[in-house]
C-alpha atoms as a PDB file:
ATOM      1  CA  UNK A   1      85.080  94.210 144.228  1.00  0.00           C
ATOM      2  CA  UNK A   2      84.811  96.986 141.099  1.00  0.00           C
ATOM      3  CA  UNK A   3      81.476  96.424 139.092  1.00  0.00           C
ATOM      4  CA  UNK A   4      81.247  97.435 135.206  1.00  0.00           C
ATOM      5  CA  UNK A   5      78.582 100.362 135.654  1.00  0.00           C
ATOM      6  CA  UNK A   6      81.529 102.134 133.892  1.00  0.00           C
ATOM      7  CA  UNK A   7      82.192 102.193 130.517  1.00  0.00           C
ATOM      8  CA  UNK A   8      85.489 102.012 129.822  1.00  0.00           C
ATOM      9  CA  UNK A   9      85.133  98.949 132.333  1.00  0.00           C
ATOM     10  CA  UNK A  10      82.568  96.641 129.482  1.00  0.00           C
ATOM     11  CA  UNK A  11      83.503  94.288 127.878  1.00  0.00           C
ATOM     12  CA  UNK A  12      84.522  95.645 123.918  1.00  0.00           C
ATOM     13  CA  UNK A  13      81.870  93.675 121.694  1.00  0.00           C
ATOM     14  CA  UNK A  14      82.699  92.740 118.996  1.00  0.00           C
ATOM     15  CA  UNK A  15      81.295  95.808 116.246  1.00  0.00           C
ATOM     16  CA  UNK A  16      83.917  97.483 118.746  1.00  0.00           C
ATOM     17  CA  UNK A  17      86.371  94.888 117.953  1.00  0.00           C
ATOM     18  CA  UNK A  18      86.023  95.140 114.645  1.00  0.00           C
ATOM     19  CA  UNK A  19      86.414  98.472 114.444  1.00  0.00           C
ATOM     20  CA  UNK A  20      90.052  98.582 115.636  1.00  0.00           C
ATOM     21  CA  UNK A  21      90.781  95.842 114.105  1.00  0.00           C
ATOM     22  CA  UNK A  22      89.709  97.544 111.016  1.00  0.00           C
ATOM     23  CA  UNK A  23      92.047 100.695 112.003  1.00  0.00           C
ATOM     24  CA  UNK A  24      95.410  98.530 112.751  1.00  0.00           C
ATOM     25  CA  UNK A  25      95.262  98.042 109.184  1.00  0.00           C
ATOM     26  CA  UNK A  26      95.998 100.918 107.572  1.00  0.00           C
ATOM     27  CA  UNK A  27      99.206 101.555 107.839  1.00  0.00           C
ATOM     28  CA  UNK A  28     101.056 105.058 109.946  1.00  0.00           C
ATOM     29  CA  UNK A  29      97.394 105.916 111.653  1.00  0.00           C
ATOM     30  CA  UNK A  30      97.988 101.959 113.083  1.00  0.00           C
ATOM     31  CA  UNK A  31     101.420 103.075 114.713  1.00  0.00           C
ATOM     32  CA  UNK A  32      99.614 106.236 116.509  1.00  0.00           C
ATOM     33  CA  UNK A  33      96.496 103.984 117.726  1.00  0.00           C
ATOM     34  CA  UNK A  34      98.264 101.551 119.249  1.00  0.00           C
ATOM     35  CA  UNK A  35     100.441 104.088 121.448  1.00  0.00           C
ATOM     36  CA  UNK A  36      97.279 106.279 122.505  1.00  0.00           C
ATOM     37  CA  UNK A  37      96.254 102.820 123.519  1.00  0.00           C
ATOM     38  CA  UNK A  38      98.315 101.609 125.090  1.00  0.00           C
ATOM     39  CA  UNK A  39      99.076 105.241 126.947  1.00  0.00           C
ATOM     40  CA  UNK A  40      95.397 106.643 127.364  1.00  0.00           C
ATOM     41  CA  UNK A  41      94.048 108.092 130.198  1.00  0.00           C
ATOM     42  CA  UNK A  42      90.451 106.766 129.095  1.00  0.00           C
ATOM     43  CA  UNK A  43      90.715 103.304 127.287  1.00  0.00           C
ATOM     44  CA  UNK A  44      89.071 100.384 128.068  1.00  0.00           C
ATOM     45  CA  UNK A  45      91.822  98.409 130.207  1.00  0.00           C
ATOM     46  CA  UNK A  46      91.082  95.133 127.664  1.00  0.00           C
ATOM     47  CA  UNK A  47      92.613  97.025 124.617  1.00  0.00           C
ATOM     48  CA  UNK A  48      94.904  99.182 126.351  1.00  0.00           C
ATOM     49  CA  UNK A  49      95.939  95.766 127.971  1.00  0.00           C
ATOM     50  CA  UNK A  50      95.918  94.066 124.799  1.00  0.00           C
ATOM     51  CA  UNK A  51      97.909  97.433 123.147  1.00  0.00           C
ATOM     52  CA  UNK A  52     100.627  97.007 125.717  1.00  0.00           C
ATOM     53  CA  UNK A  53     100.938  93.142 124.604  1.00  0.00           C
ATOM     54  CA  UNK A  54     100.828  93.577 120.861  1.00  0.00           C
ATOM     55  CA  UNK A  55     103.515  96.555 121.226  1.00  0.00           C
ATOM     56  CA  UNK A  56     105.468  94.065 122.733  1.00  0.00           C
ATOM     57  CA  UNK A  57     105.092  91.241 120.749  1.00  0.00           C
ATOM     58  CA  UNK A  58     106.111  93.953 117.524  1.00  0.00           C
ATOM     59  CA  UNK A  59     109.305  94.921 119.902  1.00  0.00           C
ATOM     60  CA  UNK A  60     109.821  91.632 120.326  1.00  0.00           C
ATOM     61  CA  UNK A  61     109.587  90.713 116.109  1.00  0.00           C
ATOM     62  CA  UNK A  62     111.787  93.620 115.763  1.00  0.00           C
ATOM     63  CA  UNK A  63     115.015  93.369 117.476  1.00  0.00           C
ATOM     64  CA  UNK A  64     115.168  89.855 116.297  1.00  0.00           C
ATOM     65  CA  UNK A  65     114.798  90.782 112.107  1.00  0.00           C
ATOM     66  CA  UNK A  66     117.648  93.621 113.067  1.00  0.00           C
ATOM     67  CA  UNK A  67     119.666  90.569 114.783  1.00  0.00           C
ATOM     68  CA  UNK A  68     119.350  88.603 111.950  1.00  0.00           C
ATOM     69  CA  UNK A  69     120.597  91.209 110.041  1.00  0.00           C
ATOM     70  CA  UNK A  70     123.659  91.500 112.328  1.00  0.00           C
ATOM     71  CA  UNK A  71     124.463  88.459 111.236  1.00  0.00           C
ATOM     72  CA  UNK A  72     123.495  88.434 108.569  1.00  0.00           C
ATOM     73  CA  UNK A  73     125.945  90.902 107.060  1.00  0.00           C
ATOM     74  CA  UNK A  74     128.500  90.113 108.638  1.00  0.00           C
ATOM     75  CA  UNK A  75     128.602  86.641 107.464  1.00  0.00           C
ATOM     76  CA  UNK A  76     127.958  88.133 103.505  1.00  0.00           C
ATOM     77  CA  UNK A  77     130.986  90.278 104.757  1.00  0.00           C
ATOM     78  CA  UNK A  78     133.269  87.927 106.425  1.00  0.00           C
ATOM     79  CA  UNK A  79     132.422  85.625 102.776  1.00  0.00           C
ATOM     80  CA  UNK A  80     132.703  89.109 100.088  1.00  0.00           C
ATOM     81  CA  UNK A  81     136.050  89.481 102.283  1.00  0.00           C
ATOM     82  CA  UNK A  82     137.949  85.714 101.652  1.00  0.00           C
ATOM     83  CA  UNK A  83     136.959  85.266  98.207  1.00  0.00           C
ATOM     84  CA  UNK A  84     138.800  89.048  98.028  1.00  0.00           C
END
């Protein structure tokens, strides 16, 4: 069984989570940090898994928004073509 002696294996404190969330609130820095947290080799596994899950969720939402725009755009184009 693995011990929590390594500092990267310890659970993150509330202070560390607040720091993480505040940094992610900065627009460009947040996106870069998500990738660093998700794919960095020296990251806490808790933060690393959270960042990967967050990136997957953002990817799914972005894909749904793009599909929605395509559907809405095609409906609008069809409507405009029918009215011409």
